C-alpha atoms as a PDB file:
ATOM      1  CA  UNK A   1     122.378 -11.077-103.508  1.00  0.00           C
ATOM      2  CA  UNK A   2     125.483 -10.028-101.542  1.00  0.00           C
ATOM      3  CA  UNK A   3     125.482  -8.167 -98.236  1.00  0.00           C
ATOM      4  CA  UNK A   4     125.776  -4.761 -99.916  1.00  0.00           C
ATOM      5  CA  UNK A   5     122.770  -5.521-102.118  1.00  0.00           C
ATOM      6  CA  UNK A   6     120.789  -6.557 -99.053  1.00  0.00           C
ATOM      7  CA  UNK A   7     121.455  -3.253 -97.343  1.00  0.00           C
ATOM      8  CA  UNK A   8     120.823  -1.323-100.568  1.00  0.00           C
ATOM      9  CA  UNK A   9     117.327  -2.816-100.688  1.00  0.00           C
ATOM     10  CA  UNK A  10     116.477  -1.235 -97.334  1.00  0.00           C
ATOM     11  CA  UNK A  11     118.718   1.826 -97.611  1.00  0.00           C
ATOM     12  CA  UNK A  12     115.924   4.354 -97.057  1.00  0.00           C
ATOM     13  CA  UNK A  13     114.569   2.437 -94.079  1.00  0.00           C
ATOM     14  CA  UNK A  14     118.016   2.109 -92.508  1.00  0.00           C
ATOM     15  CA  UNK A  15     118.680   5.827 -93.033  1.00  0.00           C
ATOM     16  CA  UNK A  16     115.494   6.477 -91.058  1.00  0.00           C
ATOM     17  CA  UNK A  17     116.626   4.007 -88.392  1.00  0.00           C
ATOM     18  CA  UNK A  18     120.000   5.746 -88.095  1.00  0.00           C
ATOM     19  CA  UNK A  19     118.277   9.123 -87.745  1.00  0.00           C
ATOM     20  CA  UNK A  20     116.008   7.804 -85.014  1.00  0.00           C
ATOM     21  CA  UNK A  21     118.940   6.186 -83.208  1.00  0.00           C
ATOM     22  CA  UNK A  22     120.795   9.502 -83.127  1.00  0.00           C
ATOM     23  CA  UNK A  23     117.658  11.364 -82.045  1.00  0.00           C
ATOM     24  CA  UNK A  24     116.599   8.994 -79.267  1.00  0.00           C
ATOM     25  CA  UNK A  25     120.154   8.675 -77.987  1.00  0.00           C
ATOM     26  CA  UNK A  26     120.125  12.317 -76.916  1.00  0.00           C
ATOM     27  CA  UNK A  27     120.304  13.149 -73.220  1.00  0.00           C
ATOM     28  CA  UNK A  28     120.905  16.245 -71.117  1.00  0.00           C
ATOM     29  CA  UNK A  29     123.735  14.298 -69.493  1.00  0.00           C
ATOM     30  CA  UNK A  30     126.886  14.962 -71.531  1.00  0.00           C
ATOM     31  CA  UNK A  31     128.609  11.675 -70.695  1.00  0.00           C
ATOM     32  CA  UNK A  32     125.622   9.688 -71.953  1.00  0.00           C
ATOM     33  CA  UNK A  33     125.820  11.529 -75.279  1.00  0.00           C
ATOM     34  CA  UNK A  34     129.578  11.016 -75.564  1.00  0.00           C
ATOM     35  CA  UNK A  35     129.704   7.347 -74.631  1.00  0.00           C
ATOM     36  CA  UNK A  36     126.421   6.489 -76.332  1.00  0.00           C
ATOM     37  CA  UNK A  37     127.443   7.974 -79.667  1.00  0.00           C
ATOM     38  CA  UNK A  38     130.874   6.335 -79.366  1.00  0.00           C
ATOM     39  CA  UNK A  39     129.469   2.823 -79.083  1.00  0.00           C
ATOM     40  CA  UNK A  40     126.514   3.336 -81.454  1.00  0.00           C
ATOM     41  CA  UNK A  41     128.775   4.741 -84.178  1.00  0.00           C
ATOM     42  CA  UNK A  42     131.598   2.237 -83.737  1.00  0.00           C
ATOM     43  CA  UNK A  43     131.189   0.470 -87.063  1.00  0.00           C
ATOM     44  CA  UNK A  44     128.658  -2.267 -86.368  1.00  0.00           C
ATOM     45  CA  UNK A  45     126.641  -3.827 -89.178  1.00  0.00           C
ATOM     46  CA  UNK A  46     123.272  -2.803 -87.664  1.00  0.00           C
ATOM     47  CA  UNK A  47     122.386  -6.423 -88.365  1.00  0.00           C
ATOM     48  CA  UNK A  48     119.565  -6.785 -85.853  1.00  0.00           C
ATOM     49  CA  UNK A  49     117.679  -3.625 -86.850  1.00  0.00           C
ATOM     50  CA  UNK A  50     118.182  -4.554 -90.509  1.00  0.00           C
ATOM     51  CA  UNK A  51     116.677  -7.953 -89.722  1.00  0.00           C
ATOM     52  CA  UNK A  52     113.631  -6.323 -88.126  1.00  0.00           C
ATOM     53  CA  UNK A  53     113.172  -4.110 -91.198  1.00  0.00           C
ATOM     54  CA  UNK A  54     113.590  -6.996 -93.656  1.00  0.00           C
ATOM     55  CA  UNK A  55     111.184  -9.265 -91.786  1.00  0.00           C
ATOM     56  CA  UNK A  56     108.532  -6.557 -91.575  1.00  0.00           C
ATOM     57  CA  UNK A  57     108.875  -5.794 -95.284  1.00  0.00           C
ATOM     58  CA  UNK A  58     108.888  -9.493 -96.212  1.00  0.00           C
ATOM     59  CA  UNK A  59     105.561  -9.810 -94.387  1.00  0.00           C
ATOM     60  CA  UNK A  60     104.178  -6.985 -96.518  1.00  0.00           C
ATOM     61  CA  UNK A  61     104.325  -4.216 -93.922  1.00  0.00           C
ATOM     62  CA  UNK A  62     104.063  -0.723 -95.403  1.00  0.00           C
ATOM     63  CA  UNK A  63     103.837   1.500 -92.307  1.00  0.00           C
ATOM     64  CA  UNK A  64     106.621   3.156 -90.327  1.00  0.00           C
ATOM     65  CA  UNK A  65     106.504   1.441 -86.918  1.00  0.00           C
ATOM     66  CA  UNK A  66     109.309  -0.865 -88.059  1.00  0.00           C
ATOM     67  CA  UNK A  67     111.676   2.117 -87.715  1.00  0.00           C
ATOM     68  CA  UNK A  68     110.836   2.427 -84.016  1.00  0.00           C
ATOM     69  CA  UNK A  69     111.091  -1.331 -83.605  1.00  0.00           C
ATOM     70  CA  UNK A  70     114.500  -1.489 -85.281  1.00  0.00           C
ATOM     71  CA  UNK A  71     115.797   1.334 -83.068  1.00  0.00           C
ATOM     72  CA  UNK A  72     114.591  -0.415 -79.915  1.00  0.00           C
ATOM     73  CA  UNK A  73     116.298  -3.627 -81.029  1.00  0.00           C
ATOM     74  CA  UNK A  74     119.579  -1.780 -81.640  1.00  0.00           C
ATOM     75  CA  UNK A  75     119.446  -0.051 -78.243  1.00  0.00           C
ATOM     76  CA  UNK A  76     118.909  -3.362 -76.451  1.00  0.00           C
ATOM     77  CA  UNK A  77     121.769  -4.929 -78.398  1.00  0.00           C
ATOM     78  CA  UNK A  78     124.104  -2.017 -77.680  1.00  0.00           C
ATOM     79  CA  UNK A  79     123.276  -2.133 -73.974  1.00  0.00           C
ATOM     80  CA  UNK A  80     124.257  -5.803 -73.902  1.00  0.00           C
ATOM     81  CA  UNK A  81     127.560  -4.968 -75.630  1.00  0.00           C
ATOM     82  CA  UNK A  82     128.404  -2.323 -73.034  1.00  0.00           C
ATOM     83  CA  UNK A  83     127.681  -4.728 -70.195  1.00  0.00           C
ATOM     84  CA  UNK A  84     129.439  -7.631 -71.962  1.00  0.00           C
ATOM     85  CA  UNK A  85     132.656  -5.683 -72.342  1.00  0.00           C
ATOM     86  CA  UNK A  86     132.699  -4.865 -68.643  1.00  0.00           C
ATOM     87  CA  UNK A  87     132.045  -8.475 -67.604  1.00  0.00           C
ATOM     88  CA  UNK A  88     134.664  -9.780 -70.049  1.00  0.00           C
ATOM     89  CA  UNK A  89     137.150  -6.969 -69.299  1.00  0.00           C
ATOM     90  CA  UNK A  90     137.384  -6.496 -73.076  1.00  0.00           C
ATOM     91  CA  UNK A  91     139.723  -3.823 -74.381  1.00  0.00           C
ATOM     92  CA  UNK A  92     138.815  -3.806 -78.071  1.00  0.00           C
ATOM     93  CA  UNK A  93     135.615  -4.142 -80.098  1.00  0.00           C
ATOM     94  CA  UNK A  94     135.269  -3.655 -83.870  1.00  0.00           C
ATOM     95  CA  UNK A  95     138.850  -2.443 -84.042  1.00  0.00           C
ATOM     96  CA  UNK A  96     138.358   0.335 -81.479  1.00  0.00           C
ATOM     97  CA  UNK A  97     138.945   0.630 -77.762  1.00  0.00           C
ATOM     98  CA  UNK A  98     135.888  -0.458 -75.819  1.00  0.00           C
ATOM     99  CA  UNK A  99     133.852   2.152 -73.971  1.00  0.00           C
ATOM    100  CA  UNK A 100     134.951   0.704 -70.632  1.00  0.00           C
ATOM    101  CA  UNK A 101     138.579   1.163 -71.667  1.00  0.00           C
ATOM    102  CA  UNK A 102     137.962   4.823 -72.522  1.00  0.00           C
ATOM    103  CA  UNK A 103     135.492   5.848 -69.787  1.00  0.00           C
ATOM    104  CA  UNK A 104     135.719   3.075 -67.197  1.00  0.00           C
ATOM    105  CA  UNK A 105     133.425   0.283 -66.057  1.00  0.00           C
ATOM    106  CA  UNK A 106     131.050   2.443 -64.038  1.00  0.00           C
ATOM    107  CA  UNK A 107     130.172   4.726 -66.950  1.00  0.00           C
ATOM    108  CA  UNK A 108     129.762   1.794 -69.347  1.00  0.00           C
ATOM    109  CA  UNK A 109     127.364  -0.046 -67.045  1.00  0.00           C
ATOM    110  CA  UNK A 110     125.275   3.059 -66.386  1.00  0.00           C
ATOM    111  CA  UNK A 111     125.029   4.099 -70.039  1.00  0.00           C
ATOM    112  CA  UNK A 112     124.062   0.521 -70.841  1.00  0.00           C
ATOM    113  CA  UNK A 113     121.289   0.918 -68.271  1.00  0.00           C
ATOM    114  CA  UNK A 114     120.252   4.171 -69.969  1.00  0.00           C
ATOM    115  CA  UNK A 115     119.946   2.401 -73.321  1.00  0.00           C
ATOM    116  CA  UNK A 116     117.854  -0.379 -71.779  1.00  0.00           C
ATOM    117  CA  UNK A 117     115.498   2.103 -70.152  1.00  0.00           C
ATOM    118  CA  UNK A 118     115.301   4.279 -73.257  1.00  0.00           C
ATOM    119  CA  UNK A 119     114.333   1.207 -75.268  1.00  0.00           C
ATOM    120  CA  UNK A 120     111.559   0.422 -72.781  1.00  0.00           C
ATOM    121  CA  UNK A 121     110.386   4.030 -72.935  1.00  0.00           C
ATOM    122  CA  UNK A 122     110.083   3.642 -76.710  1.00  0.00           C
ATOM    123  CA  UNK A 123     108.211   0.341 -76.329  1.00  0.00           C
ATOM    124  CA  UNK A 124     105.576   2.072 -74.218  1.00  0.00           C
ATOM    125  CA  UNK A 125     105.255   4.814 -76.838  1.00  0.00           C
ATOM    126  CA  UNK A 126     104.438   2.178 -79.463  1.00  0.00           C
ATOM    127  CA  UNK A 127     101.367   1.272 -77.405  1.00  0.00           C
ATOM    128  CA  UNK A 128     101.372  -2.469 -78.075  1.00  0.00           C
ATOM    129  CA  UNK A 129     101.120  -4.783 -75.085  1.00  0.00           C
ATOM    130  CA  UNK A 130     102.128  -7.728 -77.282  1.00  0.00           C
ATOM    131  CA  UNK A 131     105.294  -5.941 -78.387  1.00  0.00           C
ATOM    132  CA  UNK A 132     106.165  -5.048 -74.791  1.00  0.00           C
ATOM    133  CA  UNK A 133     105.588  -8.641 -73.675  1.00  0.00           C
ATOM    134  CA  UNK A 134     107.890 -10.024 -76.364  1.00  0.00           C
ATOM    135  CA  UNK A 135     110.681  -7.497 -75.860  1.00  0.00           C
ATOM    136  CA  UNK A 136     110.590  -7.539 -72.053  1.00  0.00           C
ATOM    137  CA  UNK A 137     110.728 -11.354 -72.091  1.00  0.00           C
ATOM    138  CA  UNK A 138     113.544 -11.223 -74.638  1.00  0.00           C
ATOM    139  CA  UNK A 139     115.573  -8.850 -72.481  1.00  0.00           C
ATOM    140  CA  UNK A 140     115.052 -11.090 -69.468  1.00  0.00           C
ATOM    141  CA  UNK A 141     116.203 -14.173 -71.393  1.00  0.00           C
ATOM    142  CA  UNK A 142     119.310 -12.325 -72.623  1.00  0.00           C
ATOM    143  CA  UNK A 143     120.190 -11.491 -69.007  1.00  0.00           C
ATOM    144  CA  UNK A 144     119.775 -15.157 -68.090  1.00  0.00           C
ATOM    145  CA  UNK A 145     122.109 -16.027 -70.954  1.00  0.00           C
ATOM    146  CA  UNK A 146     124.739 -13.658 -69.615  1.00  0.00           C
ATOM    147  CA  UNK A 147     124.574 -15.365 -66.229  1.00  0.00           C
ATOM    148  CA  UNK A 148     124.729 -18.825 -67.810  1.00  0.00           C
ATOM    149  CA  UNK A 149     127.827 -17.806 -69.744  1.00  0.00           C
ATOM    150  CA  UNK A 150     129.389 -16.426 -66.573  1.00  0.00           C
ATOM    151  CA  UNK A 151     128.797 -19.769 -64.856  1.00  0.00           C
ATOM    152  CA  UNK A 152     130.414 -21.592 -67.783  1.00  0.00           C
ATOM    153  CA  UNK A 153     133.548 -19.436 -67.840  1.00  0.00           C
ATOM    154  CA  UNK A 154     136.717 -21.403 -67.064  1.00  0.00           C
ATOM    155  CA  UNK A 155     134.570 -24.549 -66.799  1.00  0.00           C
ATOM    156  CA  UNK A 156     136.054 -27.145 -69.131  1.00  0.00           C
ATOM    157  CA  UNK A 157     133.262 -29.593 -68.291  1.00  0.00           C
ATOM    158  CA  UNK A 158     130.717 -27.435 -70.144  1.00  0.00           C
ATOM    159  CA  UNK A 159     128.752 -29.628 -72.553  1.00  0.00           C
ATOM    160  CA  UNK A 160     127.692 -28.842 -76.096  1.00  0.00           C
ATOM    161  CA  UNK A 161     124.097 -28.655 -74.851  1.00  0.00           C
ATOM    162  CA  UNK A 162     125.043 -26.066 -72.217  1.00  0.00           C
ATOM    163  CA  UNK A 163     126.952 -24.054 -74.806  1.00  0.00           C
ATOM    164  CA  UNK A 164     123.974 -24.077 -77.177  1.00  0.00           C
ATOM    165  CA  UNK A 165     121.688 -22.994 -74.350  1.00  0.00           C
ATOM    166  CA  UNK A 166     123.891 -19.947 -73.818  1.00  0.00           C
ATOM    167  CA  UNK A 167     123.900 -18.882 -77.462  1.00  0.00           C
ATOM    168  CA  UNK A 168     120.142 -19.403 -77.753  1.00  0.00           C
ATOM    169  CA  UNK A 169     119.627 -17.166 -74.719  1.00  0.00           C
ATOM    170  CA  UNK A 170     122.375 -14.631 -75.202  1.00  0.00           C
ATOM    171  CA  UNK A 171     122.488 -14.149 -78.970  1.00  0.00           C
ATOM    172  CA  UNK A 172     119.682 -15.849 -80.865  1.00  0.00           C
ATOM    173  CA  UNK A 173     116.867 -14.564 -78.639  1.00  0.00           C
ATOM    174  CA  UNK A 174     117.189 -10.952 -79.817  1.00  0.00           C
ATOM    175  CA  UNK A 175     117.330 -12.153 -83.427  1.00  0.00           C
ATOM    176  CA  UNK A 176     114.135 -14.098 -82.744  1.00  0.00           C
ATOM    177  CA  UNK A 177     112.421 -10.996 -81.355  1.00  0.00           C
ATOM    178  CA  UNK A 178     113.423  -8.951 -84.408  1.00  0.00           C
ATOM    179  CA  UNK A 179     111.970 -11.576 -86.725  1.00  0.00           C
ATOM    180  CA  UNK A 180     108.802 -12.230 -84.763  1.00  0.00           C
ATOM    181  CA  UNK A 181     108.002  -8.549 -84.258  1.00  0.00           C
ATOM    182  CA  UNK A 182     108.427  -7.831 -87.949  1.00  0.00           C
ATOM    183  CA  UNK A 183     105.390 -10.065 -88.405  1.00  0.00           C
ATOM    184  CA  UNK A 184     103.572  -8.800 -85.308  1.00  0.00           C
ATOM    185  CA  UNK A 185     103.501  -5.153 -86.400  1.00  0.00           C
ATOM    186  CA  UNK A 186     102.074  -6.310 -89.734  1.00  0.00           C
ATOM    187  CA  UNK A 187      99.399  -8.319 -87.898  1.00  0.00           C
ATOM    188  CA  UNK A 188     100.459 -11.374 -89.883  1.00  0.00           C
ATOM    189  CA  UNK A 189      99.005 -14.824 -89.238  1.00  0.00           C
ATOM    190  CA  UNK A 190     100.357 -16.931 -86.343  1.00  0.00           C
ATOM    191  CA  UNK A 191     101.957 -19.236 -88.934  1.00  0.00           C
ATOM    192  CA  UNK A 192     103.859 -16.384 -90.583  1.00  0.00           C
ATOM    193  CA  UNK A 193     104.845 -14.973 -87.199  1.00  0.00           C
ATOM    194  CA  UNK A 194     106.285 -18.329 -86.124  1.00  0.00           C
ATOM    195  CA  UNK A 195     108.064 -18.745 -89.459  1.00  0.00           C
ATOM    196  CA  UNK A 196     109.788 -15.398 -89.012  1.00  0.00           C
ATOM    197  CA  UNK A 197     110.723 -16.224 -85.425  1.00  0.00           C
ATOM    198  CA  UNK A 198     112.126 -19.625 -86.453  1.00  0.00           C
ATOM    199  CA  UNK A 199     114.102 -18.091 -89.300  1.00  0.00           C
ATOM    200  CA  UNK A 200     115.610 -15.469 -87.035  1.00  0.00           C
ATOM    201  CA  UNK A 201     116.582 -17.744 -84.152  1.00  0.00           C
ATOM    202  CA  UNK A 202     118.385 -20.124 -86.524  1.00  0.00           C
ATOM    203  CA  UNK A 203     120.079 -17.153 -88.194  1.00  0.00           C
ATOM    204  CA  UNK A 204     121.247 -15.828 -84.837  1.00  0.00           C
ATOM    205  CA  UNK A 205     122.590 -19.228 -83.832  1.00  0.00           C
ATOM    206  CA  UNK A 206     124.509 -19.492 -87.111  1.00  0.00           C
ATOM    207  CA  UNK A 207     126.041 -16.054 -86.619  1.00  0.00           C
ATOM    208  CA  UNK A 208     127.222 -16.942 -83.119  1.00  0.00           C
ATOM    209  CA  UNK A 209     128.698 -20.273 -84.211  1.00  0.00           C
ATOM    210  CA  UNK A 210     130.660 -18.518 -86.947  1.00  0.00           C
ATOM    211  CA  UNK A 211     131.763 -15.820 -84.478  1.00  0.00           C
ATOM    212  CA  UNK A 212     133.129 -18.551 -82.239  1.00  0.00           C
ATOM    213  CA  UNK A 213     134.986 -20.055 -85.204  1.00  0.00           C
ATOM    214  CA  UNK A 214     136.445 -16.698 -86.212  1.00  0.00           C
ATOM    215  CA  UNK A 215     137.971 -16.357 -82.752  1.00  0.00           C
ATOM    216  CA  UNK A 216     140.435 -19.063 -83.781  1.00  0.00           C
ATOM    217  CA  UNK A 217     141.215 -17.763 -87.256  1.00  0.00           C
ATOM    218  CA  UNK A 218     143.264 -15.045 -88.852  1.00  0.00           C
ATOM    219  CA  UNK A 219     139.967 -13.291 -89.619  1.00  0.00           C
ATOM    220  CA  UNK A 220     139.655 -12.302 -85.965  1.00  0.00           C
ATOM    221  CA  UNK A 221     141.543  -9.103 -86.640  1.00  0.00           C
ATOM    222  CA  UNK A 222     139.159  -8.163 -89.450  1.00  0.00           C
ATOM    223  CA  UNK A 223     136.243  -8.199 -86.982  1.00  0.00           C
ATOM    224  CA  UNK A 224     138.158  -6.060 -84.530  1.00  0.00           C
ATOM    225  CA  UNK A 225     139.111  -8.820 -82.112  1.00  0.00           C
ATOM    226  CA  UNK A 226     142.345 -10.320 -80.965  1.00  0.00           C
ATOM    227  CA  UNK A 227     142.781 -13.961 -81.912  1.00  0.00           C
ATOM    228  CA  UNK A 228     141.975 -16.036 -78.856  1.00  0.00           C
ATOM    229  CA  UNK A 229     139.836 -13.489 -76.996  1.00  0.00           C
ATOM    230  CA  UNK A 230     137.348 -16.214 -76.047  1.00  0.00           C
ATOM    231  CA  UNK A 231     140.154 -18.447 -74.811  1.00  0.00           C
ATOM    232  CA  UNK A 232     141.652 -15.653 -72.715  1.00  0.00           C
ATOM    233  CA  UNK A 233     138.221 -15.140 -71.136  1.00  0.00           C
ATOM    234  CA  UNK A 234     137.914 -18.866 -70.428  1.00  0.00           C
ATOM    235  CA  UNK A 235     134.856 -19.305 -72.646  1.00  0.00           C
ATOM    236  CA  UNK A 236     134.292 -22.961 -73.585  1.00  0.00           C
ATOM    237  CA  UNK A 237     132.905 -22.515 -77.097  1.00  0.00           C
ATOM    238  CA  UNK A 238     131.995 -25.334 -79.484  1.00  0.00           C
ATOM    239  CA  UNK A 239     135.420 -25.648 -81.192  1.00  0.00           C
ATOM    240  CA  UNK A 240     137.005 -26.239 -77.780  1.00  0.00           C
ATOM    241  CA  UNK A 241     134.249 -28.520 -76.484  1.00  0.00           C
ATOM    242  CA  UNK A 242     134.442 -30.716 -79.586  1.00  0.00           C
ATOM    243  CA  UNK A 243     138.258 -30.815 -79.432  1.00  0.00           C
ATOM    244  CA  UNK A 244     138.223 -32.089 -75.866  1.00  0.00           C
ATOM    245  CA  UNK A 245     135.650 -34.765 -76.683  1.00  0.00           C
ATOM    246  CA  UNK A 246     137.361 -36.006 -79.843  1.00  0.00           C
ATOM    247  CA  UNK A 247     141.075 -35.393 -79.400  1.00  0.00           C
ATOM    248  CA  UNK A 248     143.727 -37.485 -77.717  1.00  0.00           C
ATOM    249  CA  UNK A 249     143.994 -37.407 -73.950  1.00  0.00           C
ATOM    250  CA  UNK A 250     146.964 -35.067 -74.242  1.00  0.00           C
ATOM    251  CA  UNK A 251     145.069 -32.733 -76.564  1.00  0.00           C
ATOM    252  CA  UNK A 252     142.030 -32.750 -74.288  1.00  0.00           C
ATOM    253  CA  UNK A 253     144.195 -31.965 -71.259  1.00  0.00           C
ATOM    254  CA  UNK A 254     145.872 -29.083 -73.091  1.00  0.00           C
ATOM    255  CA  UNK A 255     142.543 -27.532 -74.086  1.00  0.00           C
ATOM    256  CA  UNK A 256     141.074 -28.121 -70.635  1.00  0.00           C
ATOM    257  CA  UNK A 257     143.965 -26.378 -68.923  1.00  0.00           C
ATOM    258  CA  UNK A 258     143.796 -23.464 -71.376  1.00  0.00           C
ATOM    259  CA  UNK A 259     140.082 -22.962 -70.639  1.00  0.00           C
ATOM    260  CA  UNK A 260     140.474 -23.244 -66.888  1.00  0.00           C
ATOM    261  CA  UNK A 261     143.380 -20.810 -66.784  1.00  0.00           C
ATOM    262  CA  UNK A 262     142.471 -18.540 -69.710  1.00  0.00           C
ATOM    263  CA  UNK A 263     145.798 -19.202 -71.421  1.00  0.00           C
ATOM    264  CA  UNK A 264     145.947 -16.997 -74.501  1.00  0.00           C
ATOM    265  CA  UNK A 265     149.672 -17.755 -74.756  1.00  0.00           C
ATOM    266  CA  UNK A 266     148.720 -21.287 -75.844  1.00  0.00           C
ATOM    267  CA  UNK A 267     146.590 -20.054 -78.721  1.00  0.00           C
ATOM    268  CA  UNK A 268     148.785 -21.457 -81.502  1.00  0.00           C
ATOM    269  CA  UNK A 269     148.800 -24.890 -79.894  1.00  0.00           C
ATOM    270  CA  UNK A 270     145.036 -24.718 -79.355  1.00  0.00           C
ATOM    271  CA  UNK A 271     144.415 -23.725 -82.990  1.00  0.00           C
ATOM    272  CA  UNK A 272     146.476 -26.725 -84.118  1.00  0.00           C
ATOM    273  CA  UNK A 273     144.426 -29.038 -81.901  1.00  0.00           C
ATOM    274  CA  UNK A 274     141.154 -27.551 -83.155  1.00  0.00           C
ATOM    275  CA  UNK A 275     142.227 -28.222 -86.739  1.00  0.00           C
ATOM    276  CA  UNK A 276     143.559 -31.720 -86.077  1.00  0.00           C
ATOM    277  CA  UNK A 277     140.427 -32.873 -84.239  1.00  0.00           C
ATOM    278  CA  UNK A 278     138.055 -31.634 -86.945  1.00  0.00           C
ATOM    279  CA  UNK A 279     136.466 -29.075 -84.623  1.00  0.00           C
ATOM    280  CA  UNK A 280     136.506 -26.362 -87.283  1.00  0.00           C
ATOM    281  CA  UNK A 281     134.590 -28.526 -89.740  1.00  0.00           C
ATOM    282  CA  UNK A 282     132.197 -29.678 -87.025  1.00  0.00           C
ATOM    283  CA  UNK A 283     131.373 -26.134 -85.947  1.00  0.00           C
ATOM    284  CA  UNK A 284     131.042 -24.997 -89.560  1.00  0.00           C
ATOM    285  CA  UNK A 285     128.623 -27.865 -90.234  1.00  0.00           C
ATOM    286  CA  UNK A 286     126.595 -26.894 -87.182  1.00  0.00           C
ATOM    287  CA  UNK A 287     126.364 -23.342 -88.526  1.00  0.00           C
ATOM    288  CA  UNK A 288     125.414 -24.652 -91.975  1.00  0.00           C
ATOM    289  CA  UNK A 289     122.622 -26.731 -90.435  1.00  0.00           C
ATOM    290  CA  UNK A 290     121.252 -23.646 -88.687  1.00  0.00           C
ATOM    291  CA  UNK A 291     121.315 -21.742 -91.984  1.00  0.00           C
ATOM    292  CA  UNK A 292     119.454 -24.517 -93.784  1.00  0.00           C
ATOM    293  CA  UNK A 293     116.801 -24.543 -91.065  1.00  0.00           C
ATOM    294  CA  UNK A 294     116.521 -20.760 -91.248  1.00  0.00           C
ATOM    295  CA  UNK A 295     115.951 -20.816 -94.994  1.00  0.00           C
ATOM    296  CA  UNK A 296     113.451 -23.669 -94.751  1.00  0.00           C
ATOM    297  CA  UNK A 297     111.448 -21.627 -92.250  1.00  0.00           C
ATOM    298  CA  UNK A 298     110.754 -19.051 -94.966  1.00  0.00           C
ATOM    299  CA  UNK A 299     109.038 -21.547 -97.260  1.00  0.00           C
ATOM    300  CA  UNK A 300     105.563 -20.241 -96.372  1.00  0.00           C
ATOM    301  CA  UNK A 301     106.517 -16.590 -96.945  1.00  0.00           C
ATOM    302  CA  UNK A 302     105.437 -15.063-100.262  1.00  0.00           C
ATOM    303  CA  UNK A 303     108.244 -14.428-102.738  1.00  0.00           C
ATOM    304  CA  UNK A 304     109.576 -10.869-102.809  1.00  0.00           C
ATOM    305  CA  UNK A 305     112.924  -9.065-102.957  1.00  0.00           C
ATOM    306  CA  UNK A 306     112.790  -8.920 -99.147  1.00  0.00           C
ATOM    307  CA  UNK A 307     112.378 -12.687 -98.825  1.00  0.00           C
ATOM    308  CA  UNK A 308     115.306 -13.125-101.212  1.00  0.00           C
ATOM    309  CA  UNK A 309     117.336 -10.767 -99.041  1.00  0.00           C
ATOM    310  CA  UNK A 310     116.555 -12.877 -95.973  1.00  0.00           C
ATOM    311  CA  UNK A 311     117.667 -16.026 -97.799  1.00  0.00           C
ATOM    312  CA  UNK A 312     120.875 -14.289 -98.868  1.00  0.00           C
ATOM    313  CA  UNK A 313     121.458 -12.994 -95.344  1.00  0.00           C
ATOM    314  CA  UNK A 314     121.382 -16.586 -94.116  1.00  0.00           C
ATOM    315  CA  UNK A 315     124.066 -17.513 -96.657  1.00  0.00           C
ATOM    316  CA  UNK A 316     126.134 -14.506 -95.584  1.00  0.00           C
ATOM    317  CA  UNK A 317     126.073 -15.786 -92.006  1.00  0.00           C
ATOM    318  CA  UNK A 318     128.381 -18.675 -92.895  1.00  0.00           C
ATOM    319  CA  UNK A 319     130.338 -17.113 -95.756  1.00  0.00           C
ATOM    320  CA  UNK A 320     131.499 -14.044 -93.878  1.00  0.00           C
ATOM    321  CA  UNK A 321     134.910 -13.384 -92.443  1.00  0.00           C
ATOM    322  CA  UNK A 322     133.772 -10.448 -90.289  1.00  0.00           C
END
C-alpha cells in the first residue's frame, strides 16, 4: 500500500477533518484568518491527523470524535511550526515563504498562540478529562523539547542521547498522542492503547531521523527546504554527531566548527564527511530500527485495512524523499 492508497482509505474522514480545520480556524480578527489559512493550507501532508484517524479506525472506532481529535492534533502541530520558524529564523517551509517572513515574528507567535488556545477550547468541548490530560501533557513536553533543542544549538558536544531526547520530546510526542488517543476514544483495552502509543512514538522518531538525513541530501529541495538548513541553524543532528565521533580529527574539527558557527557555506564539505564516515547509513539504520519497532507494536492489533495502512505508513517513513 503506497502513501496515496493510505490516504484514499481515509479520504472521507480526512475531508471531514479539512472541513473542521477550516471551520474552527475562523476568527473575527482578519489577520488570524489570513495567516492561519496561509500556514494550514501550505501543502503539508496532514500526517498527524491522518495518524489519529487511522489509529482510531484500526481500533474499530466507528463514531465521529476522531474528526475533532485529528483537528486538535493538527492545530497543535501548526502552532509549533509557527513558533519554530520564528525561533529558527526560517524563511522557507514546504517551498513557500514562512509566515514570519510574510507577516513578521510578532504575528506568527500570536497566531500560534491562537491555534494552541483554540485546540484547548476544542479539547474542553470533547468533555473527556483523560483526553485533556494526555494532550495538555503532550503540549507541555513539546515545549520542553523546543527548549532542549535551543540549548543544544551551536553545541557540538551534544551527545546522541541528548539528540534523541529532543526528537522524542519535540516530534515523537505528538505522534504518540495521536496514536494513543485513537485507542482512548474507542475505549480500547490498556494493552491496545499502549500498542498504539508505542507504534506512533517509533513512527515519529523514524520520520524525524529521515528529516535530519534529508537536510543533507538533494531531496531537501523537494520538501521545501534549503540544503543545510539545520547546519545553518547550528543544530547538531545525528548525521553530524556520528561524523564527529567516527571521523578523523580533522573531519571532527570541521564539523564541530560548522555547528558552532552555523556555517552553511561549508555544506558540501560537511556532506562529504557525512558520507565518508558512514553517518548516512548509521542514521538510516536508526530510522529502520524505529520502523521495525513501530510495526512490531501492532502485532496485537486485529488485522484490517487500517492496520495494513499503519504498517505501510511505517515503511513510507524511511522510503520517502519528502
